Amino acid sequence: MSQKSVMSATEISGMMATRIMKAVDIRALGNSDRNMKDVAIDLVNASGWTYKEVAEQAYLAPTTVQNLVEEKTQFPRYDTIERIYRVFGVELRGTMAKVDYQYRLQPKKGR
């Protein structure tokens, strides 16, 4: 009589995360022309999950995920990207950037 090995949910999610990370180029900053939105889209596509499945895990509306992936949303909110990253175990690390004085506290053009 052979015993079947039963994998825990943690082991399964770890295997999925490894597979997804191998399929996605996580680099989004520095000398790369990729941005955080591109990486989030790649994570969703590489997962093989439906928009609804990703949305449920990220506590987002399915249309939010769909609009992001289909690039209907040009400038997604930071927290939307962060929630998608967290679903796939990717940590966002923000850094402060010094803004040149000429760009500080300037009114928007056309106002």
PDB file of N, CA and C in Angstrom:
ATOM      1  N   MET A   1       0.839  -1.179   0.000  1.00  0.00           N
ATOM      2  CA  MET A   1       0.000   0.000   0.000  1.00  0.00           C
ATOM      3  C   MET A   1       0.891   1.252   0.000  1.00  0.00           C
ATOM      4  N   SER A   2       0.723   2.092  -0.982  1.00  0.00           N
ATOM      5  CA  SER A   2       1.569   3.283  -1.080  1.00  0.00           C
ATOM      6  C   SER A   2       0.861   4.479  -0.466  1.00  0.00           C
ATOM      7  N   GLN A   3       1.654   5.334   0.163  1.00  0.00           N
ATOM      8  CA  GLN A   3       1.088   6.537   0.744  1.00  0.00           C
ATOM      9  C   GLN A   3       1.243   7.681  -0.239  1.00  0.00           C
ATOM     10  N   LYS A   4       0.159   8.436  -0.396  1.00  0.00           N
ATOM     11  CA  LYS A   4       0.232   9.624  -1.241  1.00  0.00           C
ATOM     12  C   LYS A   4       0.720  10.792  -0.404  1.00  0.00           C
ATOM     13  N   SER A   5       1.579  11.568  -0.987  1.00  0.00           N
ATOM     14  CA  SER A   5       2.076  12.756  -0.325  1.00  0.00           C
ATOM     15  C   SER A   5       1.071  13.890  -0.534  1.00  0.00           C
ATOM     16  N   VAL A   6       0.639  14.487   0.543  1.00  0.00           N
ATOM     17  CA  VAL A   6      -0.311  15.590   0.463  1.00  0.00           C
ATOM     18  C   VAL A   6       0.451  16.879   0.729  1.00  0.00           C
ATOM     19  N   MET A   7       0.342  17.812  -0.206  1.00  0.00           N
ATOM     20  CA  MET A   7       1.040  19.085  -0.066  1.00  0.00           C
ATOM     21  C   MET A   7       0.148  20.081   0.668  1.00  0.00           C
ATOM     22  N   SER A   8       0.774  20.886   1.494  1.00  0.00           N
ATOM     23  CA  SER A   8       0.027  21.927   2.196  1.00  0.00           C
ATOM     24  C   SER A   8      -0.225  23.096   1.250  1.00  0.00           C
ATOM     25  N   ALA A   9      -1.157  23.945   1.650  1.00  0.00           N
ATOM     26  CA  ALA A   9      -1.457  25.145   0.863  1.00  0.00           C
ATOM     27  C   ALA A   9      -0.223  26.030   0.757  1.00  0.00           C
ATOM     28  N   THR A  10       0.574  26.078   1.808  1.00  0.00           N
ATOM     29  CA  THR A  10       1.796  26.895   1.794  1.00  0.00           C
ATOM     30  C   THR A  10       2.791  26.361   0.770  1.00  0.00           C
ATOM     31  N   GLU A  11       2.943  25.052   0.709  1.00  0.00           N
ATOM     32  CA  GLU A  11       3.861  24.442  -0.260  1.00  0.00           C
ATOM     33  C   GLU A  11       3.387  24.698  -1.690  1.00  0.00           C
ATOM     34  N   ILE A  12       2.081  24.580  -1.895  1.00  0.00           N
ATOM     35  CA  ILE A  12       1.518  24.816  -3.228  1.00  0.00           C
ATOM     36  C   ILE A  12       1.706  26.269  -3.634  1.00  0.00           C
ATOM     37  N   SER A  13       1.399  27.207  -2.721  1.00  0.00           N
ATOM     38  CA  SER A  13       1.554  28.624  -3.072  1.00  0.00           C
ATOM     39  C   SER A  13       3.019  28.970  -3.302  1.00  0.00           C
ATOM     40  N   GLY A  14       3.927  28.325  -2.551  1.00  0.00           N
ATOM     41  CA  GLY A  14       5.362  28.548  -2.771  1.00  0.00           C
ATOM     42  C   GLY A  14       5.802  28.078  -4.141  1.00  0.00           C
ATOM     43  N   MET A  15       5.296  26.920  -4.564  1.00  0.00           N
ATOM     44  CA  MET A  15       5.621  26.401  -5.897  1.00  0.00           C
ATOM     45  C   MET A  15       5.078  27.320  -6.983  1.00  0.00           C
ATOM     46  N   MET A  16       3.844  27.822  -6.782  1.00  0.00           N
ATOM     47  CA  MET A  16       3.253  28.733  -7.773  1.00  0.00           C
ATOM     48  C   MET A  16       4.067  30.009  -7.860  1.00  0.00           C
ATOM     49  N   ALA A  17       4.449  30.550  -6.711  1.00  0.00           N
ATOM     50  CA  ALA A  17       5.231  31.783  -6.699  1.00  0.00           C
ATOM     51  C   ALA A  17       6.549  31.599  -7.427  1.00  0.00           C
ATOM     52  N   THR A  18       7.198  30.460  -7.215  1.00  0.00           N
ATOM     53  CA  THR A  18       8.462  30.176  -7.897  1.00  0.00           C
ATOM     54  C   THR A  18       8.267  30.115  -9.404  1.00  0.00           C
ATOM     55  N   ARG A  19       7.209  29.449  -9.845  1.00  0.00           N
ATOM     56  CA  ARG A  19       6.923  29.334 -11.283  1.00  0.00           C
ATOM     57  C   ARG A  19       6.650  30.709 -11.886  1.00  0.00           C
ATOM     58  N   ILE A  20       5.867  31.526 -11.187  1.00  0.00           N
ATOM     59  CA  ILE A  20       5.524  32.857 -11.691  1.00  0.00           C
ATOM     60  C   ILE A  20       6.773  33.736 -11.757  1.00  0.00           C
ATOM     61  N   MET A  21       7.613  33.701 -10.712  1.00  0.00           N
ATOM     62  CA  MET A  21       8.809  34.540 -10.684  1.00  0.00           C
ATOM     63  C   MET A  21       9.776  34.178 -11.802  1.00  0.00           C
ATOM     64  N   LYS A  22       9.834  32.911 -12.169  1.00  0.00           N
ATOM     65  CA  LYS A  22      10.694  32.501 -13.276  1.00  0.00           C
ATOM     66  C   LYS A  22      10.183  33.046 -14.602  1.00  0.00           C
ATOM     67  N   ALA A  23       8.873  33.281 -14.692  1.00  0.00           N
ATOM     68  CA  ALA A  23       8.265  33.728 -15.947  1.00  0.00           C
ATOM     69  C   ALA A  23       8.241  35.249 -16.085  1.00  0.00           C
ATOM     70  N   VAL A  24       8.485  35.970 -15.009  1.00  0.00           N
ATOM     71  CA  VAL A  24       8.324  37.427 -15.022  1.00  0.00           C
ATOM     72  C   VAL A  24       9.648  38.098 -14.672  1.00  0.00           C
ATOM     73  N   ASP A  25       9.983  39.127 -15.435  1.00  0.00           N
ATOM     74  CA  ASP A  25      11.157  39.945 -15.132  1.00  0.00           C
ATOM     75  C   ASP A  25      10.716  40.977 -14.107  1.00  0.00           C
ATOM     76  N   ILE A  26      11.118  40.801 -12.866  1.00  0.00           N
ATOM     77  CA  ILE A  26      10.653  41.651 -11.774  1.00  0.00           C
ATOM     78  C   ILE A  26      11.253  43.055 -11.815  1.00  0.00           C
ATOM     79  N   ARG A  27      12.370  43.226 -12.473  1.00  0.00           N
ATOM     80  CA  ARG A  27      13.007  44.555 -12.492  1.00  0.00           C
ATOM     81  C   ARG A  27      12.093  45.572 -13.153  1.00  0.00           C
ATOM     82  N   ALA A  28      11.826  46.648 -12.440  1.00  0.00           N
ATOM     83  CA  ALA A  28      10.948  47.671 -12.991  1.00  0.00           C
ATOM     84  C   ALA A  28      11.529  49.072 -12.860  1.00  0.00           C
ATOM     85  N   LEU A  29      12.613  49.213 -12.169  1.00  0.00           N
ATOM     86  CA  LEU A  29      13.159  50.549 -11.959  1.00  0.00           C
ATOM     87  C   LEU A  29      14.626  50.580 -12.343  1.00  0.00           C
ATOM     88  N   GLY A  30      15.274  51.645 -12.027  1.00  0.00           N
ATOM     89  CA  GLY A  30      16.696  51.758 -12.360  1.00  0.00           C
ATOM     90  C   GLY A  30      16.886  52.025 -13.833  1.00  0.00           C
ATOM     91  N   ASN A  31      17.739  51.236 -14.480  1.00  0.00           N
ATOM     92  CA  ASN A  31      18.040  51.442 -15.888  1.00  0.00           C
ATOM     93  C   ASN A  31      17.043  50.755 -16.812  1.00  0.00           C
ATOM     94  N   SER A  32      15.977  50.224 -16.263  1.00  0.00           N
ATOM     95  CA  SER A  32      14.984  49.505 -17.046  1.00  0.00           C
ATOM     96  C   SER A  32      13.949  50.469 -17.612  1.00  0.00           C
ATOM     97  N   ASP A  33      13.386  50.117 -18.763  1.00  0.00           N
ATOM     98  CA  ASP A  33      12.304  50.940 -19.310  1.00  0.00           C
ATOM     99  C   ASP A  33      10.939  50.387 -18.875  1.00  0.00           C
ATOM    100  N   ARG A  34      10.959  49.337 -18.056  1.00  0.00           N
ATOM    101  CA  ARG A  34       9.725  48.767 -17.522  1.00  0.00           C
ATOM    102  C   ARG A  34       9.302  49.547 -16.282  1.00  0.00           C
ATOM    103  N   ASN A  35       7.996  49.647 -16.068  1.00  0.00           N
ATOM    104  CA  ASN A  35       7.526  50.305 -14.857  1.00  0.00           C
ATOM    105  C   ASN A  35       6.770  49.307 -13.990  1.00  0.00           C
ATOM    106  N   MET A  36       6.334  49.742 -12.837  1.00  0.00           N
ATOM    107  CA  MET A  36       5.662  48.849 -11.897  1.00  0.00           C
ATOM    108  C   MET A  36       4.374  48.283 -12.479  1.00  0.00           C
ATOM    109  N   LYS A  37       3.698  49.078 -13.295  1.00  0.00           N
ATOM    110  CA  LYS A  37       2.475  48.606 -13.941  1.00  0.00           C
ATOM    111  C   LYS A  37       2.770  47.428 -14.860  1.00  0.00           C
ATOM    112  N   ASP A  38       3.853  47.507 -15.636  1.00  0.00           N
ATOM    113  CA  ASP A  38       4.231  46.416 -16.550  1.00  0.00           C
ATOM    114  C   ASP A  38       4.462  45.118 -15.786  1.00  0.00           C
ATOM    115  N   VAL A  39       5.134  45.222 -14.648  1.00  0.00           N
ATOM    116  CA  VAL A  39       5.421  44.036 -13.846  1.00  0.00           C
ATOM    117  C   VAL A  39       4.128  43.454 -13.289  1.00  0.00           C
ATOM    118  N   ALA A  40       3.219  44.312 -12.814  1.00  0.00           N
ATOM    119  CA  ALA A  40       1.936  43.831 -12.290  1.00  0.00           C
ATOM    120  C   ALA A  40       1.154  43.087 -13.371  1.00  0.00           C
ATOM    121  N   ILE A  41       1.144  43.625 -14.582  1.00  0.00           N
ATOM    122  CA  ILE A  41       0.455  42.971 -15.701  1.00  0.00           C
ATOM    123  C   ILE A  41       1.089  41.621 -15.987  1.00  0.00           C
ATOM    124  N   ASP A  42       2.414  41.565 -15.998  1.00  0.00           N
ATOM    125  CA  ASP A  42       3.114  40.301 -16.238  1.00  0.00           C
ATOM    126  C   ASP A  42       2.808  39.271 -15.154  1.00  0.00           C
ATOM    127  N   LEU A  43       2.721  39.721 -13.899  1.00  0.00           N
ATOM    128  CA  LEU A  43       2.397  38.809 -12.811  1.00  0.00           C
ATOM    129  C   LEU A  43       1.008  38.188 -12.996  1.00  0.00           C
ATOM    130  N   VAL A  44       0.041  39.019 -13.350  1.00  0.00           N
ATOM    131  CA  VAL A  44      -1.319  38.522 -13.563  1.00  0.00           C
ATOM    132  C   VAL A  44      -1.333  37.543 -14.732  1.00  0.00           C
ATOM    133  N   ASN A  45      -0.707  37.912 -15.832  1.00  0.00           N
ATOM    134  CA  ASN A  45      -0.700  37.038 -17.015  1.00  0.00           C
ATOM    135  C   ASN A  45       0.025  35.726 -16.757  1.00  0.00           C
ATOM    136  N   ALA A  46       1.150  35.781 -16.045  1.00  0.00           N
ATOM    137  CA  ALA A  46       1.932  34.576 -15.788  1.00  0.00           C
ATOM    138  C   ALA A  46       1.246  33.634 -14.804  1.00  0.00           C
ATOM    139  N   SER A  47       0.359  34.161 -13.993  1.00  0.00           N
ATOM    140  CA  SER A  47      -0.294  33.338 -12.974  1.00  0.00           C
ATOM    141  C   SER A  47      -1.253  32.316 -13.572  1.00  0.00           C
ATOM    142  N   GLY A  48      -1.848  32.659 -14.710  1.00  0.00           N
ATOM    143  CA  GLY A  48      -2.851  31.775 -15.290  1.00  0.00           C
ATOM    144  C   GLY A  48      -4.202  31.902 -14.608  1.00  0.00           C
ATOM    145  N   TRP A  49      -4.310  32.808 -13.647  1.00  0.00           N
ATOM    146  CA  TRP A  49      -5.564  33.017 -12.938  1.00  0.00           C
ATOM    147  C   TRP A  49      -6.474  33.928 -13.752  1.00  0.00           C
ATOM    148  N   THR A  50      -7.762  33.842 -13.486  1.00  0.00           N
ATOM    149  CA  THR A  50      -8.716  34.770 -14.102  1.00  0.00           C
ATOM    150  C   THR A  50      -8.595  36.115 -13.400  1.00  0.00           C
ATOM    151  N   TYR A  51      -9.129  37.144 -14.032  1.00  0.00           N
ATOM    152  CA  TYR A  51      -9.126  38.468 -13.398  1.00  0.00           C
ATOM    153  C   TYR A  51      -9.882  38.403 -12.074  1.00  0.00           C
ATOM    154  N   LYS A  52     -10.952  37.651 -12.044  1.00  0.00           N
ATOM    155  CA  LYS A  52     -11.760  37.525 -10.831  1.00  0.00           C
ATOM    156  C   LYS A  52     -10.956  36.875  -9.710  1.00  0.00           C
ATOM    157  N   GLU A  53     -10.192  35.836 -10.030  1.00  0.00           N
ATOM    158  CA  GLU A  53      -9.390  35.161  -9.005  1.00  0.00           C
ATOM    159  C   GLU A  53      -8.318  36.088  -8.434  1.00  0.00           C
ATOM    160  N   VAL A  54      -7.654  36.843  -9.302  1.00  0.00           N
ATOM    161  CA  VAL A  54      -6.639  37.795  -8.833  1.00  0.00           C
ATOM    162  C   VAL A  54      -7.314  38.880  -7.991  1.00  0.00           C
ATOM    163  N   ALA A  55      -8.443  39.381  -8.489  1.00  0.00           N
ATOM    164  CA  ALA A  55      -9.157  40.449  -7.791  1.00  0.00           C
ATOM    165  C   ALA A  55      -9.595  40.013  -6.391  1.00  0.00           C
ATOM    166  N   GLU A  56     -10.091  38.794  -6.275  1.00  0.00           N
ATOM    167  CA  GLU A  56     -10.521  38.300  -4.961  1.00  0.00           C
ATOM    168  C   GLU A  56      -9.358  38.233  -3.988  1.00  0.00           C
ATOM    169  N   GLN A  57      -8.208  37.784  -4.452  1.00  0.00           N
ATOM    170  CA  GLN A  57      -7.029  37.685  -3.593  1.00  0.00           C
ATOM    171  C   GLN A  57      -6.482  39.068  -3.225  1.00  0.00           C
ATOM    172  N   ALA A  58      -6.642  40.037  -4.128  1.00  0.00           N
ATOM    173  CA  ALA A  58      -6.100  41.383  -3.916  1.00  0.00           C
ATOM    174  C   ALA A  58      -7.123  42.349  -3.320  1.00  0.00           C
ATOM    175  N   TYR A  59      -8.344  41.862  -3.096  1.00  0.00           N
ATOM    176  CA  TYR A  59      -9.432  42.717  -2.603  1.00  0.00           C
ATOM    177  C   TYR A  59      -9.667  43.904  -3.523  1.00  0.00           C
ATOM    178  N   LEU A  60      -9.744  43.601  -4.814  1.00  0.00           N
ATOM    179  CA  LEU A  60     -10.029  44.594  -5.846  1.00  0.00           C
ATOM    180  C   LEU A  60     -11.243  44.142  -6.644  1.00  0.00           C
ATOM    181  N   ALA A  61     -11.811  45.042  -7.402  1.00  0.00           N
ATOM    182  CA  ALA A  61     -12.890  44.678  -8.317  1.00  0.00           C
ATOM    183  C   ALA A  61     -12.286  43.979  -9.532  1.00  0.00           C
ATOM    184  N   PRO A  62     -12.947  42.955 -10.050  1.00  0.00           N
ATOM    185  CA  PRO A  62     -12.428  42.280 -11.249  1.00  0.00           C
ATOM    186  C   PRO A  62     -12.198  43.238 -12.416  1.00  0.00           C
ATOM    187  N   THR A  63     -13.054  44.249 -12.551  1.00  0.00           N
ATOM    188  CA  THR A  63     -12.872  45.211 -13.643  1.00  0.00           C
ATOM    189  C   THR A  63     -11.606  46.040 -13.454  1.00  0.00           C
ATOM    190  N   THR A  64     -11.194  46.251 -12.207  1.00  0.00           N
ATOM    191  CA  THR A  64      -9.946  46.985 -11.950  1.00  0.00           C
ATOM    192  C   THR A  64      -8.765  46.200 -12.497  1.00  0.00           C
ATOM    193  N   VAL A  65      -8.750  44.894 -12.222  1.00  0.00           N
ATOM    194  CA  VAL A  65      -7.664  44.040 -12.712  1.00  0.00           C
ATOM    195  C   VAL A  65      -7.721  43.947 -14.232  1.00  0.00           C
ATOM    196  N   GLN A  66      -8.919  43.763 -14.769  1.00  0.00           N
ATOM    197  CA  GLN A  66      -9.080  43.650 -16.223  1.00  0.00           C
ATOM    198  C   GLN A  66      -8.626  44.920 -16.932  1.00  0.00           C
ATOM    199  N   ASN A  67      -9.043  46.072 -16.431  1.00  0.00           N
ATOM    200  CA  ASN A  67      -8.658  47.337 -17.055  1.00  0.00           C
ATOM    201  C   ASN A  67      -7.151  47.567 -16.983  1.00  0.00           C
ATOM    202  N   LEU A  68      -6.530  47.119 -15.905  1.00  0.00           N
ATOM    203  CA  LEU A  68      -5.076  47.246 -15.782  1.00  0.00           C
ATOM    204  C   LEU A  68      -4.379  46.375 -16.825  1.00  0.00           C
ATOM    205  N   VAL A  69      -4.761  45.098 -16.890  1.00  0.00           N
ATOM    206  CA  VAL A  69      -4.104  44.149 -17.796  1.00  0.00           C
ATOM    207  C   VAL A  69      -4.334  44.521 -19.257  1.00  0.00           C
ATOM    208  N   GLU A  70      -5.537  44.978 -19.570  1.00  0.00           N
ATOM    209  CA  GLU A  70      -5.854  45.360 -20.948  1.00  0.00           C
ATOM    210  C   GLU A  70      -5.397  46.782 -21.262  1.00  0.00           C
ATOM    211  N   GLU A  71      -4.682  47.393 -20.328  1.00  0.00           N
ATOM    212  CA  GLU A  71      -4.094  48.729 -20.461  1.00  0.00           C
ATOM    213  C   GLU A  71      -5.115  49.817 -20.774  1.00  0.00           C
ATOM    214  N   LYS A  72      -6.312  49.647 -20.226  1.00  0.00           N
ATOM    215  CA  LYS A  72      -7.328  50.696 -20.311  1.00  0.00           C
ATOM    216  C   LYS A  72      -7.076  51.736 -19.223  1.00  0.00           C
ATOM    217  N   THR A  73      -6.373  51.337 -18.167  1.00  0.00           N
ATOM    218  CA  THR A  73      -5.984  52.242 -17.096  1.00  0.00           C
ATOM    219  C   THR A  73      -4.543  52.657 -17.348  1.00  0.00           C
ATOM    220  N   GLN A  74      -4.350  53.933 -17.679  1.00  0.00           N
ATOM    221  CA  GLN A  74      -2.996  54.402 -17.986  1.00  0.00           C
ATOM    222  C   GLN A  74      -2.163  54.606 -16.732  1.00  0.00           C
ATOM    223  N   PHE A  75      -2.787  55.151 -15.690  1.00  0.00           N
ATOM    224  CA  PHE A  75      -2.063  55.482 -14.471  1.00  0.00           C
ATOM    225  C   PHE A  75      -2.773  54.860 -13.270  1.00  0.00           C
ATOM    226  N   PRO A  76      -2.498  53.570 -13.023  1.00  0.00           N
ATOM    227  CA  PRO A  76      -3.165  52.912 -11.897  1.00  0.00           C
ATOM    228  C   PRO A  76      -2.699  53.482 -10.564  1.00  0.00           C
ATOM    229  N   ARG A  77      -3.553  53.353  -9.568  1.00  0.00           N
ATOM    230  CA  ARG A  77      -3.206  53.812  -8.229  1.00  0.00           C
ATOM    231  C   ARG A  77      -2.089  52.938  -7.662  1.00  0.00           C
ATOM    232  N   TYR A  78      -1.262  53.530  -6.838  1.00  0.00           N
ATOM    233  CA  TYR A  78      -0.153  52.816  -6.217  1.00  0.00           C
ATOM    234  C   TYR A  78      -0.669  51.634  -5.410  1.00  0.00           C
ATOM    235  N   ASP A  79      -1.768  51.838  -4.666  1.00  0.00           N
ATOM    236  CA  ASP A  79      -2.262  50.749  -3.826  1.00  0.00           C
ATOM    237  C   ASP A  79      -2.823  49.596  -4.657  1.00  0.00           C
ATOM    238  N   THR A  80      -3.294  49.861  -5.861  1.00  0.00           N
ATOM    239  CA  THR A  80      -3.758  48.791  -6.751  1.00  0.00           C
ATOM    240  C   THR A  80      -2.574  47.912  -7.150  1.00  0.00           C
ATOM    241  N   ILE A  81      -1.492  48.544  -7.558  1.00  0.00           N
ATOM    242  CA  ILE A  81      -0.287  47.805  -7.937  1.00  0.00           C
ATOM    243  C   ILE A  81       0.248  47.039  -6.741  1.00  0.00           C
ATOM    244  N   GLU A  82       0.283  47.690  -5.582  1.00  0.00           N
ATOM    245  CA  GLU A  82       0.802  47.051  -4.380  1.00  0.00           C
ATOM    246  C   GLU A  82      -0.022  45.816  -4.008  1.00  0.00           C
ATOM    247  N   ARG A  83      -1.332  45.894  -4.119  1.00  0.00           N
ATOM    248  CA  ARG A  83      -2.186  44.747  -3.789  1.00  0.00           C
ATOM    249  C   ARG A  83      -1.923  43.577  -4.730  1.00  0.00           C
ATOM    250  N   ILE A  84      -1.744  43.855  -6.010  1.00  0.00           N
ATOM    251  CA  ILE A  84      -1.455  42.787  -6.972  1.00  0.00           C
ATOM    252  C   ILE A  84      -0.089  42.175  -6.675  1.00  0.00           C
ATOM    253  N   TYR A  85       0.899  43.008  -6.383  1.00  0.00           N
ATOM    254  CA  TYR A  85       2.226  42.490  -6.036  1.00  0.00           C
ATOM    255  C   TYR A  85       2.138  41.559  -4.826  1.00  0.00           C
ATOM    256  N   ARG A  86       1.395  41.972  -3.811  1.00  0.00           N
ATOM    257  CA  ARG A  86       1.307  41.170  -2.582  1.00  0.00           C
ATOM    258  C   ARG A  86       0.687  39.806  -2.840  1.00  0.00           C
ATOM    259  N   VAL A  87      -0.285  39.738  -3.743  1.00  0.00           N
ATOM    260  CA  VAL A  87      -0.902  38.451  -4.074  1.00  0.00           C
ATOM    261  C   VAL A  87       0.171  37.454  -4.509  1.00  0.00           C
ATOM    262  N   PHE A  88       1.174  37.932  -5.227  1.00  0.00           N
ATOM    263  CA  PHE A  88       2.213  37.064  -5.775  1.00  0.00           C
ATOM    264  C   PHE A  88       3.507  37.091  -4.962  1.00  0.00           C
ATOM    265  N   GLY A  89       3.443  37.672  -3.764  1.00  0.00           N
ATOM    266  CA  GLY A  89       4.589  37.644  -2.869  1.00  0.00           C
ATOM    267  C   GLY A  89       5.710  38.579  -3.254  1.00  0.00           C
ATOM    268  N   VAL A  90       5.399  39.625  -3.999  1.00  0.00           N
ATOM    269  CA  VAL A  90       6.416  40.601  -4.408  1.00  0.00           C
ATOM    270  C   VAL A  90       6.265  41.826  -3.513  1.00  0.00           C
ATOM    271  N   GLU A  91       7.381  42.280  -2.972  1.00  0.00           N
ATOM    272  CA  GLU A  91       7.373  43.423  -2.069  1.00  0.00           C
ATOM    273  C   GLU A  91       7.783  44.684  -2.823  1.00  0.00           C
ATOM    274  N   LEU A  92       7.008  45.734  -2.642  1.00  0.00           N
ATOM    275  CA  LEU A  92       7.370  47.033  -3.220  1.00  0.00           C
ATOM    276  C   LEU A  92       8.243  47.774  -2.221  1.00  0.00           C
ATOM    277  N   ARG A  93       9.322  48.325  -2.708  1.00  0.00           N
ATOM    278  CA  ARG A  93      10.190  49.126  -1.856  1.00  0.00           C
ATOM    279  C   ARG A  93      10.341  50.490  -2.488  1.00  0.00           C
ATOM    280  N   GLY A  94       9.736  51.471  -1.867  1.00  0.00           N
ATOM    281  CA  GLY A  94       9.818  52.825  -2.384  1.00  0.00           C
ATOM    282  C   GLY A  94      11.035  53.529  -1.849  1.00  0.00           C
ATOM    283  N   THR A  95      11.579  54.407  -2.650  1.00  0.00           N
ATOM    284  CA  THR A  95      12.703  55.218  -2.198  1.00  0.00           C
ATOM    285  C   THR A  95      12.364  56.674  -2.444  1.00  0.00           C
ATOM    286  N   MET A  96      12.918  57.496  -1.638  1.00  0.00           N
ATOM    287  CA  MET A  96      12.687  58.926  -1.785  1.00  0.00           C
ATOM    288  C   MET A  96      13.587  59.472  -2.895  1.00  0.00           C
ATOM    289  N   ALA A  97      13.043  60.417  -3.632  1.00  0.00           N
ATOM    290  CA  ALA A  97      13.831  61.055  -4.686  1.00  0.00           C
ATOM    291  C   ALA A  97      13.810  62.564  -4.450  1.00  0.00           C
ATOM    292  N   LYS A  98      14.930  63.176  -4.630  1.00  0.00           N
ATOM    293  CA  LYS A  98      15.010  64.616  -4.479  1.00  0.00           C
ATOM    294  C   LYS A  98      14.421  65.265  -5.728  1.00  0.00           C
ATOM    295  N   VAL A  99      13.498  66.200  -5.515  1.00  0.00           N
ATOM    296  CA  VAL A  99      12.848  66.900  -6.620  1.00  0.00           C
ATOM    297  C   VAL A  99      13.522  68.255  -6.782  1.00  0.00           C
ATOM    298  N   ASP A 100      13.907  68.584  -8.011  1.00  0.00           N
ATOM    299  CA  ASP A 100      14.523  69.883  -8.270  1.00  0.00           C
ATOM    300  C   ASP A 100      13.577  70.995  -7.848  1.00  0.00           C
ATOM    301  N   TYR A 101      14.134  72.040  -7.316  1.00  0.00           N
ATOM    302  CA  TYR A 101      13.336  73.148  -6.795  1.00  0.00           C
ATOM    303  C   TYR A 101      12.352  73.700  -7.821  1.00  0.00           C
ATOM    304  N   GLN A 102      12.757  73.767  -9.059  1.00  0.00           N
ATOM    305  CA  GLN A 102      11.892  74.356 -10.090  1.00  0.00           C
ATOM    306  C   GLN A 102      10.578  73.597 -10.266  1.00  0.00           C
ATOM    307  N   TYR A 103      10.524  72.318  -9.810  1.00  0.00           N
ATOM    308  CA  TYR A 103       9.317  71.518  -9.987  1.00  0.00           C
ATOM    309  C   TYR A 103       8.455  71.432  -8.721  1.00  0.00           C
ATOM    310  N   ARG A 104       8.919  71.981  -7.622  1.00  0.00           N
ATOM    311  CA  ARG A 104       8.186  71.887  -6.362  1.00  0.00           C
ATOM    312  C   ARG A 104       7.001  72.836  -6.340  1.00  0.00           C
ATOM    313  N   LEU A 105       5.906  72.330  -5.836  1.00  0.00           N
ATOM    314  CA  LEU A 105       4.716  73.131  -5.559  1.00  0.00           C
ATOM    315  C   LEU A 105       4.314  74.055  -6.709  1.00  0.00           C
ATOM    316  N   GLN A 106       4.391  73.574  -7.894  1.00  0.00           N
ATOM    317  CA  GLN A 106       3.980  74.350  -9.063  1.00  0.00           C
ATOM    318  C   GLN A 106       2.519  74.037  -9.385  1.00  0.00           C
ATOM    319  N   PRO A 107       1.736  75.061  -9.719  1.00  0.00           N
ATOM    320  CA  PRO A 107       0.343  74.784 -10.099  1.00  0.00           C
ATOM    321  C   PRO A 107       0.312  74.012 -11.411  1.00  0.00           C
ATOM    322  N   LYS A 108      -0.719  73.234 -11.595  1.00  0.00           N
ATOM    323  CA  LYS A 108      -0.867  72.498 -12.844  1.00  0.00           C
ATOM    324  C   LYS A 108      -1.118  73.483 -13.967  1.00  0.00           C
ATOM    325  N   LYS A 109      -0.544  73.193 -15.126  1.00  0.00           N
ATOM    326  CA  LYS A 109      -0.738  74.071 -16.273  1.00  0.00           C
ATOM    327  C   LYS A 109      -2.177  73.975 -16.737  1.00  0.00           C
ATOM    328  N   GLY A 110      -2.719  75.087 -17.167  1.00  0.00           N
ATOM    329  CA  GLY A 110      -4.087  75.122 -17.672  1.00  0.00           C
ATOM    330  C   GLY A 110      -5.103  75.431 -16.580  1.00  0.00           C
ATOM    331  N   ARG A 111      -4.622  75.777 -15.377  1.00  0.00           N
ATOM    332  CA  ARG A 111      -5.544  76.114 -14.285  1.00  0.00           C
ATOM    333  C   ARG A 111      -5.457  77.550 -13.947  1.00  0.00           C
TER     334      ARG A 111
END
